[in-house]
């Protein structure tokens, strides 16, 4: 004969207390835990993205500074006085004599 379990019900002044079911409570705990984990993961992901953006911005600033330095160097090296001085001293070039220039029309 199968025995049936009787549930105990506590009654206090007409108000009865039943034993709560665990399934809905466990589902609620799991849902809250998953939402909390999702929030924490999203914050960590956002922080990692901010760090990556900061690193890239630092690289951009460094590249811009290097570009400015190279533009200054190009401007210095392309000066006509400097090129003429190098042509005269290192290559031995001279200004053309009046008869060496021929105009072609």
Protein backbone atom coordinates (compact mmCIF):
# COMPACT_ATOMS: atom_id res chain seq x y z
CA UNK A 1 0.00 0.00 0.00
CA UNK A 2 1.36 3.29 -0.95
CA UNK A 3 1.43 5.72 1.82
CA UNK A 4 0.46 9.26 1.14
CA UNK A 5 2.30 12.12 2.65
CA UNK A 6 0.26 14.62 4.43
CA UNK A 7 1.17 18.24 4.20
CA UNK A 8 1.34 20.19 7.38
CA UNK A 9 -0.54 23.44 7.36
CA UNK A 10 0.03 25.94 10.13
CA UNK A 11 -2.91 28.15 10.91
CA UNK A 12 -2.64 31.27 13.01
CA UNK A 13 -5.85 33.19 13.62
CA UNK A 14 -7.36 31.99 10.37
CA UNK A 15 -4.22 32.69 8.31
CA UNK A 16 -2.61 29.56 6.95
CA UNK A 17 1.05 29.18 6.05
CA UNK A 18 2.00 26.71 3.36
CA UNK A 19 5.47 25.51 2.62
CA UNK A 20 6.73 27.53 -0.35
CA UNK A 21 7.55 25.73 -3.55
CA UNK A 22 11.25 25.79 -4.34
CA UNK A 23 11.04 25.78 -8.14
CA UNK A 24 9.80 29.39 -8.57
CA UNK A 25 12.28 30.63 -5.98
CA UNK A 26 15.16 28.86 -7.69
CA UNK A 27 14.10 30.19 -11.09
CA UNK A 28 13.99 33.72 -9.69
CA UNK A 29 17.46 33.31 -8.14
CA UNK A 30 18.87 31.95 -11.40
CA UNK A 31 17.34 34.81 -13.41
CA UNK A 32 18.69 37.46 -11.04
CA UNK A 33 22.11 35.79 -11.12
CA UNK A 34 22.14 35.69 -14.92
CA UNK A 35 21.11 39.33 -15.16
CA UNK A 36 23.83 40.27 -12.68
CA UNK A 37 26.43 38.34 -14.65
CA UNK A 38 25.27 39.99 -17.87
CA UNK A 39 25.60 43.43 -16.28
CA UNK A 40 29.09 42.69 -14.95
CA UNK A 41 30.20 41.26 -18.31
CA UNK A 42 28.90 44.32 -20.17
CA UNK A 43 30.73 46.67 -17.79
CA UNK A 44 33.98 44.70 -18.17
CA UNK A 45 33.58 44.74 -21.94
CA UNK A 46 32.97 48.50 -21.89
CA UNK A 47 36.07 49.06 -19.74
CA UNK A 48 38.17 46.95 -22.11
CA UNK A 49 36.86 48.93 -25.08
CA UNK A 50 37.66 52.21 -23.33
CA UNK A 51 41.20 50.96 -22.68
CA UNK A 52 41.59 49.97 -26.35
CA UNK A 53 40.28 53.36 -27.49
CA UNK A 54 42.69 55.13 -25.15
CA UNK A 55 45.61 53.11 -26.51
CA UNK A 56 44.61 53.87 -30.11
CA UNK A 57 44.21 57.59 -29.37
CA UNK A 58 47.68 57.62 -27.82
CA UNK A 59 49.04 55.99 -30.99
CA UNK A 60 47.26 58.57 -33.15
CA UNK A 61 48.72 61.45 -31.12
CA UNK A 62 52.19 59.91 -31.41
CA UNK A 63 51.77 59.52 -35.18
CA UNK A 64 50.57 63.10 -35.54
CA UNK A 65 53.60 64.36 -33.59
CA UNK A 66 55.92 62.30 -35.76
CA UNK A 67 54.21 63.65 -38.90
CA UNK A 68 54.77 67.23 -37.72
CA UNK A 69 58.44 66.50 -37.07
CA UNK A 70 58.86 64.95 -40.52
CA UNK A 71 57.13 67.91 -42.19
CA UNK A 72 59.55 70.26 -40.42
CA UNK A 73 62.48 68.13 -41.55
CA UNK A 74 61.23 68.17 -45.16
CA UNK A 75 60.85 71.95 -45.00
CA UNK A 76 64.41 72.28 -43.67
CA UNK A 77 65.92 69.91 -46.23
CA UNK A 78 64.04 71.50 -49.18
CA UNK A 79 65.30 75.06 -48.56
CA UNK A 80 66.82 76.53 -51.72
CA UNK A 81 69.80 78.05 -49.89
CA UNK A 82 70.74 74.68 -48.44
CA UNK A 83 70.39 72.87 -51.76
CA UNK A 84 72.48 75.53 -53.55
CA UNK A 85 75.21 75.36 -50.88
CA UNK A 86 75.34 71.55 -51.16
CA UNK A 87 75.42 71.74 -54.97
CA UNK A 88 78.36 74.15 -54.90
CA UNK A 89 80.40 72.44 -52.16
CA UNK A 90 79.76 68.72 -52.68
CA UNK A 91 79.01 68.52 -56.41
CA UNK A 92 81.20 71.39 -57.58
CA UNK A 93 78.40 73.04 -59.54
CA UNK A 94 78.56 76.72 -60.52
CA UNK A 95 76.13 79.31 -61.81
CA UNK A 96 75.87 79.16 -65.63
CA UNK A 97 77.85 81.67 -67.67
CA UNK A 98 75.83 84.06 -69.87
CA UNK A 99 76.59 82.10 -73.07
CA UNK A 100 75.59 78.72 -71.61
CA UNK A 101 71.87 79.47 -71.39
CA UNK A 102 69.98 79.02 -74.67
CA UNK A 103 66.27 79.87 -74.89
CA UNK A 104 64.10 77.60 -76.98
CA UNK A 105 60.91 79.16 -78.31
